Each structure stands twice: as C-alpha cells, then as structure tokens.
Amino acid sequence: MPQQPALPRVLIAADVFGVTPELGRFAGAIGAAATLASPHPFNRSFRSEAEGYASFMASGGVVPYAEHLAGILAGRPFHFDLAIGFSAGASALWLCLADARLEPRLPRRAVLYYGSRIRDHADLEPRRHARLVFAEREASFDPCALAAALRQRGGRAVVLPGTAHGFMNPRSAGYDEELATAEAEGIRALLGFAGARPRRAFGIPQKT
C-alpha cells in the first residue's frame, strides 16, 4: 500500500484558559499533528478567565511563556509547518518569531489571534510570515490603531469587525462559533488540505 503523506505539524499556544478539551477539539478539526502548549505549570486548565489570568501572571506573564515556547521549538528535531497562538499564546509566539537565536527552528509561518500584549512589542520584526488577527472589541487598547501601526511597518494585521477578544475559544465570553468554525476551515486551507475554504481573515475588509 502507498504510504500516507505525513500530517502537517502545528504548534498551538493556548490562552490563559490553558490546554482544554475544547482546544484539543480545535486541533482535531484542523487535521494536523498538533503540539499543544500551556502557559501554566503542569498543563493546568481553567474554567474562569480571571483565575487563568491570575495563574498566568503568577508564572511571570508573557516573557516566561515565550521562553517555554522557545524550548519547545528548539527541542524538536523538525520544523513546525505552522504556529497558532491565542491571546497570551499569540503574544508569546510574537516574541519567539523575532528571536534570532531560534532562527533554525522557527515555524514556517504563524497565525496569531488577538495577542493583546503584542502592543508592548510592536517594534519587533518577525523572522517568518505572520498573520495577526485582532478582535474589534478590546477593553485595554485600540486594536485598529495597533493593526494600522503594524501594517505601516510591513506587518500583516487585520481586525475582524464585530468580534470580541476570545472569539475562537468556547470558554470565552467573546466566543463566536460561526467565525471559529470558519477560521478552523481556513487554517486547513492554509495547511493545504484539499477542499478546504480560504480563511475569513484573509478576505474580510480591514478596519482602519
């Protein structure tokens, strides 16, 4: 029998809810060989965003999470085809993508969802193709202004109208099931799966 082609390898960096069953189902939906990374010790997960955030900050926040992801990238004997980050995971991956020390092991490309702390490091230059997808409604900053600033620096950043932070996570108050399903299908297209539709984030009008 002919050998089946190897599944694409994807690193998924979780938000402060951690590695949840819902995140596992997302990994299954995109059809990849996924490595799930948590911002919490012992891969803890949380039902409450407030509890997850408190644990995340107690562990040091974005920089230690980026160091954890760097260890995963450096420790694998292969390149990830794609890295996907959500919220804190997106911000941590953003730091990794700009780290010259990781050059031999960086993922081939990345999709970063609503990484709010990217605003603290907006001057970084990613060393791989990165698509930044922001929610329109954020409590602590103006995502349209951040996306515009990133685009001025040559970045690929979009804001999805009508969305709230957490639109990809069923545990988040901002969850949008229809959009999350469309995004998962679009990531399958990005990974080259036959019959998958283009990702909504690539075609939707940008907010400025």
C-alpha atoms as a PDB file:
ATOM      1  CA  MET A   1       0.000   0.000   0.000  1.00  0.00           C
ATOM      2  CA  PRO A   2       1.233   3.521  -0.744  1.00  0.00           C
ATOM      3  CA  GLN A   3       2.409   5.495   2.257  1.00  0.00           C
ATOM      4  CA  GLN A   4       0.056   8.156   3.553  1.00  0.00           C
ATOM      5  CA  PRO A   5       1.560  11.661   3.418  1.00  0.00           C
ATOM      6  CA  ALA A   6       2.706  12.973   6.782  1.00  0.00           C
ATOM      7  CA  LEU A   7       0.323  15.327   8.522  1.00  0.00           C
ATOM      8  CA  PRO A   8       1.456  18.953   8.803  1.00  0.00           C
ATOM      9  CA  ARG A   9       2.999  19.755  12.172  1.00  0.00           C
ATOM     10  CA  VAL A  10       1.409  22.600  14.104  1.00  0.00           C
ATOM     11  CA  LEU A  11       2.338  24.225  17.412  1.00  0.00           C
ATOM     12  CA  ILE A  12      -0.699  25.668  19.221  1.00  0.00           C
ATOM     13  CA  ALA A  13      -0.019  28.117  22.067  1.00  0.00           C
ATOM     14  CA  ALA A  14      -3.020  28.284  24.391  1.00  0.00           C
ATOM     15  CA  ASP A  15      -4.558  31.348  26.016  1.00  0.00           C
ATOM     16  CA  VAL A  16      -4.886  31.728  29.795  1.00  0.00           C
ATOM     17  CA  PHE A  17      -7.616  29.079  29.934  1.00  0.00           C
ATOM     18  CA  GLY A  18      -4.818  26.584  29.224  1.00  0.00           C
ATOM     19  CA  VAL A  19      -4.862  23.317  27.303  1.00  0.00           C
ATOM     20  CA  THR A  20      -8.561  22.483  27.444  1.00  0.00           C
ATOM     21  CA  PRO A  21     -10.662  19.753  25.801  1.00  0.00           C
ATOM     22  CA  GLU A  22     -12.037  22.480  23.533  1.00  0.00           C
ATOM     23  CA  LEU A  23      -8.522  23.313  22.350  1.00  0.00           C
ATOM     24  CA  GLY A  24      -7.956  19.628  21.690  1.00  0.00           C
ATOM     25  CA  ARG A  25     -11.082  19.553  19.544  1.00  0.00           C
ATOM     26  CA  PHE A  26      -9.837  22.573  17.605  1.00  0.00           C
ATOM     27  CA  ALA A  27      -6.568  20.736  16.957  1.00  0.00           C
ATOM     28  CA  GLY A  28      -8.558  17.759  15.692  1.00  0.00           C
ATOM     29  CA  ALA A  29     -10.688  19.983  13.468  1.00  0.00           C
ATOM     30  CA  ILE A  30      -7.695  21.379  11.599  1.00  0.00           C
ATOM     31  CA  GLY A  31      -6.424  17.860  10.959  1.00  0.00           C
ATOM     32  CA  ALA A  32      -2.785  18.429  11.870  1.00  0.00           C
ATOM     33  CA  ALA A  33      -0.239  16.699  14.071  1.00  0.00           C
ATOM     34  CA  ALA A  34      -0.538  19.244  16.871  1.00  0.00           C
ATOM     35  CA  THR A  35       1.645  20.066  19.854  1.00  0.00           C
ATOM     36  CA  LEU A  36      -0.381  21.954  22.476  1.00  0.00           C
ATOM     37  CA  ALA A  37       1.487  24.374  24.744  1.00  0.00           C
ATOM     38  CA  SER A  38       0.152  25.803  28.001  1.00  0.00           C
ATOM     39  CA  PRO A  39       1.113  28.984  29.867  1.00  0.00           C
ATOM     40  CA  HIS A  40       0.546  27.156  33.162  1.00  0.00           C
ATOM     41  CA  PRO A  41       2.696  24.700  35.112  1.00  0.00           C
ATOM     42  CA  PHE A  42       1.578  21.074  34.871  1.00  0.00           C
ATOM     43  CA  ASN A  43      -0.701  21.952  31.914  1.00  0.00           C
ATOM     44  CA  ARG A  44      -3.440  23.210  34.224  1.00  0.00           C
ATOM     45  CA  SER A  45      -6.633  24.496  32.648  1.00  0.00           C
ATOM     46  CA  PHE A  46      -9.277  26.874  33.975  1.00  0.00           C
ATOM     47  CA  ARG A  47     -12.986  27.481  33.517  1.00  0.00           C
ATOM     48  CA  SER A  48     -12.666  31.072  34.700  1.00  0.00           C
ATOM     49  CA  GLU A  49     -10.666  33.573  32.646  1.00  0.00           C
ATOM     50  CA  ALA A  50      -9.926  35.558  35.812  1.00  0.00           C
ATOM     51  CA  GLU A  51      -8.418  32.504  37.525  1.00  0.00           C
ATOM     52  CA  GLY A  52      -6.446  31.611  34.419  1.00  0.00           C
ATOM     53  CA  TYR A  53      -5.114  35.145  34.123  1.00  0.00           C
ATOM     54  CA  ALA A  54      -4.097  35.195  37.793  1.00  0.00           C
ATOM     55  CA  SER A  55      -2.185  31.922  37.328  1.00  0.00           C
ATOM     56  CA  PHE A  56      -0.573  33.245  34.151  1.00  0.00           C
ATOM     57  CA  MET A  57       0.647  36.408  35.854  1.00  0.00           C
ATOM     58  CA  ALA A  58       1.841  34.454  38.896  1.00  0.00           C
ATOM     59  CA  SER A  59       4.016  32.441  36.495  1.00  0.00           C
ATOM     60  CA  GLY A  60       5.583  35.648  35.180  1.00  0.00           C
ATOM     61  CA  GLY A  61       3.415  36.537  32.193  1.00  0.00           C
ATOM     62  CA  VAL A  62       4.352  36.715  28.535  1.00  0.00           C
ATOM     63  CA  VAL A  63       8.155  36.502  28.698  1.00  0.00           C
ATOM     64  CA  PRO A  64       8.357  33.179  30.602  1.00  0.00           C
ATOM     65  CA  TYR A  65       5.659  31.792  28.293  1.00  0.00           C
ATOM     66  CA  ALA A  66       7.773  32.816  25.293  1.00  0.00           C
ATOM     67  CA  GLU A  67      10.766  31.065  26.865  1.00  0.00           C
ATOM     68  CA  HIS A  68       8.663  27.932  27.305  1.00  0.00           C
ATOM     69  CA  LEU A  69       7.624  28.039  23.639  1.00  0.00           C
ATOM     70  CA  ALA A  70      11.227  28.652  22.609  1.00  0.00           C
ATOM     71  CA  GLY A  71      12.184  25.469  24.434  1.00  0.00           C
ATOM     72  CA  ILE A  72       9.548  23.524  22.519  1.00  0.00           C
ATOM     73  CA  LEU A  73      10.707  24.947  19.183  1.00  0.00           C
ATOM     74  CA  ALA A  74      14.389  24.332  19.913  1.00  0.00           C
ATOM     75  CA  GLY A  75      13.812  20.865  21.320  1.00  0.00           C
ATOM     76  CA  ARG A  76      12.057  19.301  18.336  1.00  0.00           C
ATOM     77  CA  PRO A  77      14.051  17.526  15.594  1.00  0.00           C
ATOM     78  CA  PHE A  78      11.753  19.035  12.954  1.00  0.00           C
ATOM     79  CA  HIS A  79      10.274  22.358  11.871  1.00  0.00           C
ATOM     80  CA  PHE A  80       6.662  23.150  12.638  1.00  0.00           C
ATOM     81  CA  ASP A  81       4.754  23.972   9.467  1.00  0.00           C
ATOM     82  CA  LEU A  82       2.586  26.447  11.351  1.00  0.00           C
ATOM     83  CA  ALA A  83       2.310  28.014  14.789  1.00  0.00           C
ATOM     84  CA  ILE A  84      -1.054  29.251  16.064  1.00  0.00           C
ATOM     85  CA  GLY A  85      -1.345  31.441  19.132  1.00  0.00           C
ATOM     86  CA  PHE A  86      -4.354  32.644  21.067  1.00  0.00           C
ATOM     87  CA  SER A  87      -4.226  35.753  23.275  1.00  0.00           C
ATOM     88  CA  ALA A  88      -1.289  35.211  25.668  1.00  0.00           C
ATOM     89  CA  GLY A  89      -0.051  32.469  23.354  1.00  0.00           C
ATOM     90  CA  ALA A  90      -0.116  34.852  20.397  1.00  0.00           C
ATOM     91  CA  SER A  91       1.861  37.471  22.317  1.00  0.00           C
ATOM     92  CA  ALA A  92       4.427  34.882  23.419  1.00  0.00           C
ATOM     93  CA  LEU A  93       4.809  33.496  19.900  1.00  0.00           C
ATOM     94  CA  TRP A  94       5.325  37.046  18.617  1.00  0.00           C
ATOM     95  CA  LEU A  95       8.431  37.285  20.827  1.00  0.00           C
ATOM     96  CA  CYS A  96       9.675  33.929  19.557  1.00  0.00           C
ATOM     97  CA  LEU A  97       9.208  34.882  15.914  1.00  0.00           C
ATOM     98  CA  ALA A  98      11.561  37.840  16.363  1.00  0.00           C
ATOM     99  CA  ASP A  99      14.261  35.872  18.231  1.00  0.00           C
ATOM    100  CA  ALA A 100      17.346  35.365  16.046  1.00  0.00           C
ATOM    101  CA  ARG A 101      18.551  32.571  18.330  1.00  0.00           C
ATOM    102  CA  LEU A 102      15.575  30.475  17.227  1.00  0.00           C
ATOM    103  CA  GLU A 103      16.171  31.024  13.511  1.00  0.00           C
ATOM    104  CA  PRO A 104      16.984  27.370  12.710  1.00  0.00           C
ATOM    105  CA  ARG A 105      13.826  26.142  14.474  1.00  0.00           C
ATOM    106  CA  LEU A 106      11.197  28.795  13.865  1.00  0.00           C
ATOM    107  CA  PRO A 107       7.877  27.635  12.393  1.00  0.00           C
ATOM    108  CA  ARG A 108       7.465  28.219   8.689  1.00  0.00           C
ATOM    109  CA  ARG A 109       4.563  30.624   9.328  1.00  0.00           C
ATOM    110  CA  ALA A 110       2.245  31.732  12.100  1.00  0.00           C
ATOM    111  CA  VAL A 111      -1.312  32.889  12.727  1.00  0.00           C
ATOM    112  CA  LEU A 112      -1.700  34.955  15.894  1.00  0.00           C
ATOM    113  CA  TYR A 113      -5.164  35.643  17.294  1.00  0.00           C
ATOM    114  CA  TYR A 114      -5.895  38.678  19.494  1.00  0.00           C
ATOM    115  CA  GLY A 115      -2.438  38.922  21.046  1.00  0.00           C
ATOM    116  CA  SER A 116      -3.114  41.990  23.158  1.00  0.00           C
ATOM    117  CA  ARG A 117       0.420  42.226  24.575  1.00  0.00           C
ATOM    118  CA  ILE A 118       1.860  42.453  21.080  1.00  0.00           C
ATOM    119  CA  ARG A 119       1.244  46.163  21.616  1.00  0.00           C
ATOM    120  CA  ASP A 120       4.137  46.185  24.111  1.00  0.00           C
ATOM    121  CA  HIS A 121       6.477  44.769  21.452  1.00  0.00           C
ATOM    122  CA  ALA A 122       5.084  46.274  18.256  1.00  0.00           C
ATOM    123  CA  ASP A 123       8.574  47.295  17.121  1.00  0.00           C
ATOM    124  CA  LEU A 124       9.728  43.685  16.749  1.00  0.00           C
ATOM    125  CA  GLU A 125      10.295  42.258  13.276  1.00  0.00           C
ATOM    126  CA  PRO A 126       9.077  38.665  12.851  1.00  0.00           C
ATOM    127  CA  ARG A 127      11.530  36.439  11.018  1.00  0.00           C
ATOM    128  CA  ARG A 128       8.742  34.370   9.472  1.00  0.00           C
ATOM    129  CA  HIS A 129       5.468  35.161   7.726  1.00  0.00           C
ATOM    130  CA  ALA A 130       2.977  36.033  10.465  1.00  0.00           C
ATOM    131  CA  ARG A 131      -0.698  36.898  10.141  1.00  0.00           C
ATOM    132  CA  LEU A 132      -2.055  38.874  13.102  1.00  0.00           C
ATOM    133  CA  VAL A 133      -5.813  38.702  13.616  1.00  0.00           C
ATOM    134  CA  PHE A 134      -7.279  41.097  16.175  1.00  0.00           C
ATOM    135  CA  ALA A 135     -10.760  41.366  17.642  1.00  0.00           C
ATOM    136  CA  GLU A 136     -12.509  44.693  17.179  1.00  0.00           C
ATOM    137  CA  ARG A 137     -13.548  44.999  20.825  1.00  0.00           C
ATOM    138  CA  GLU A 138     -10.728  45.084  23.373  1.00  0.00           C
ATOM    139  CA  ALA A 139     -11.038  46.537  26.864  1.00  0.00           C
ATOM    140  CA  SER A 140      -7.460  47.753  27.294  1.00  0.00           C
ATOM    141  CA  PHE A 141      -6.310  49.118  23.911  1.00  0.00           C
ATOM    142  CA  ASP A 142      -7.390  50.167  20.423  1.00  0.00           C
ATOM    143  CA  PRO A 143      -6.822  47.158  18.126  1.00  0.00           C
ATOM    144  CA  CYS A 144      -7.456  49.209  14.985  1.00  0.00           C
ATOM    145  CA  ALA A 145      -4.638  51.605  15.871  1.00  0.00           C
ATOM    146  CA  LEU A 146      -2.291  48.724  16.693  1.00  0.00           C
ATOM    147  CA  ALA A 147      -3.086  46.872  13.467  1.00  0.00           C
ATOM    148  CA  ALA A 148      -2.550  50.067  11.471  1.00  0.00           C
ATOM    149  CA  ALA A 149       0.832  50.628  13.145  1.00  0.00           C
ATOM    150  CA  LEU A 150       1.882  47.056  12.406  1.00  0.00           C
ATOM    151  CA  ARG A 151       0.835  47.392   8.773  1.00  0.00           C
ATOM    152  CA  GLN A 152       2.869  50.591   8.488  1.00  0.00           C
ATOM    153  CA  ARG A 153       5.894  48.521   9.495  1.00  0.00           C
ATOM    154  CA  GLY A 154       5.106  45.956   6.817  1.00  0.00           C
ATOM    155  CA  GLY A 155       3.171  43.561   9.036  1.00  0.00           C
ATOM    156  CA  ARG A 156       0.109  41.573   8.026  1.00  0.00           C
ATOM    157  CA  ALA A 157      -2.528  42.568  10.560  1.00  0.00           C
ATOM    158  CA  VAL A 158      -6.316  42.593  10.337  1.00  0.00           C
ATOM    159  CA  VAL A 159      -9.169  43.497  12.671  1.00  0.00           C
ATOM    160  CA  LEU A 160     -12.335  41.432  12.335  1.00  0.00           C
ATOM    161  CA  PRO A 161     -15.401  43.696  12.620  1.00  0.00           C
ATOM    162  CA  GLY A 162     -17.965  42.865  15.285  1.00  0.00           C
ATOM    163  CA  THR A 163     -15.704  40.498  17.211  1.00  0.00           C
ATOM    164  CA  ALA A 164     -14.620  40.428  20.846  1.00  0.00           C
ATOM    165  CA  HIS A 165     -11.452  39.103  22.466  1.00  0.00           C
ATOM    166  CA  GLY A 166     -11.646  35.327  22.752  1.00  0.00           C
ATOM    167  CA  PHE A 167     -13.793  34.713  19.669  1.00  0.00           C
ATOM    168  CA  MET A 168     -12.007  31.411  18.995  1.00  0.00           C
ATOM    169  CA  ASN A 169     -12.462  29.911  22.478  1.00  0.00           C
ATOM    170  CA  PRO A 170     -15.781  28.349  23.601  1.00  0.00           C
ATOM    171  CA  ARG A 171     -14.883  29.155  27.216  1.00  0.00           C
ATOM    172  CA  SER A 172     -14.600  32.875  26.488  1.00  0.00           C
ATOM    173  CA  ALA A 173     -17.456  35.366  26.760  1.00  0.00           C
ATOM    174  CA  GLY A 174     -16.407  36.643  23.331  1.00  0.00           C
ATOM    175  CA  TYR A 175     -16.753  33.278  21.584  1.00  0.00           C
ATOM    176  CA  ASP A 176     -18.193  33.306  18.058  1.00  0.00           C
ATOM    177  CA  GLU A 177     -18.938  29.734  16.980  1.00  0.00           C
ATOM    178  CA  GLU A 178     -19.576  30.546  13.332  1.00  0.00           C
ATOM    179  CA  LEU A 179     -16.362  32.517  12.978  1.00  0.00           C
ATOM    180  CA  ALA A 180     -14.302  29.958  14.898  1.00  0.00           C
ATOM    181  CA  THR A 181     -15.558  27.201  12.582  1.00  0.00           C
ATOM    182  CA  ALA A 182     -14.726  29.304   9.527  1.00  0.00           C
ATOM    183  CA  GLU A 183     -11.254  30.063  10.878  1.00  0.00           C
ATOM    184  CA  ALA A 184     -10.543  26.383  11.538  1.00  0.00           C
ATOM    185  CA  GLU A 185     -11.585  25.576   7.979  1.00  0.00           C
ATOM    186  CA  GLY A 186      -9.404  28.383   6.698  1.00  0.00           C
ATOM    187  CA  ILE A 187      -6.400  27.074   8.605  1.00  0.00           C
ATOM    188  CA  ARG A 188      -6.973  23.735   6.909  1.00  0.00           C
ATOM    189  CA  ALA A 189      -6.762  25.606   3.600  1.00  0.00           C
ATOM    190  CA  LEU A 190      -3.551  27.269   4.760  1.00  0.00           C
ATOM    191  CA  LEU A 191      -2.133  23.825   5.540  1.00  0.00           C
ATOM    192  CA  GLY A 192      -3.013  22.617   2.057  1.00  0.00           C
ATOM    193  CA  PHE A 193      -5.902  20.258   2.773  1.00  0.00           C
ATOM    194  CA  ALA A 194      -7.953  19.596  -0.354  1.00  0.00           C
ATOM    195  CA  GLY A 195     -11.434  21.092  -0.391  1.00  0.00           C
ATOM    196  CA  ALA A 196     -10.829  23.495   2.482  1.00  0.00           C
ATOM    197  CA  ARG A 197     -12.099  27.056   2.074  1.00  0.00           C
ATOM    198  CA  PRO A 198      -9.954  30.182   2.401  1.00  0.00           C
ATOM    199  CA  ARG A 199      -9.791  31.721   5.821  1.00  0.00           C
ATOM    200  CA  ARG A 200     -12.227  34.552   6.531  1.00  0.00           C
ATOM    201  CA  ALA A 201      -9.444  36.687   7.998  1.00  0.00           C
ATOM    202  CA  PHE A 202      -7.709  36.859   4.628  1.00  0.00           C
ATOM    203  CA  GLY A 203     -10.716  38.208   2.753  1.00  0.00           C
ATOM    204  CA  ILE A 204     -12.654  40.330   5.218  1.00  0.00           C
ATOM    205  CA  PRO A 205     -12.408  44.122   4.918  1.00  0.00           C
ATOM    206  CA  GLN A 206      -9.943  45.576   7.394  1.00  0.00           C
ATOM    207  CA  LYS A 207     -10.836  48.161   9.989  1.00  0.00           C
ATOM    208  CA  THR A 208      -8.622  51.243   9.994  1.00  0.00           C
END
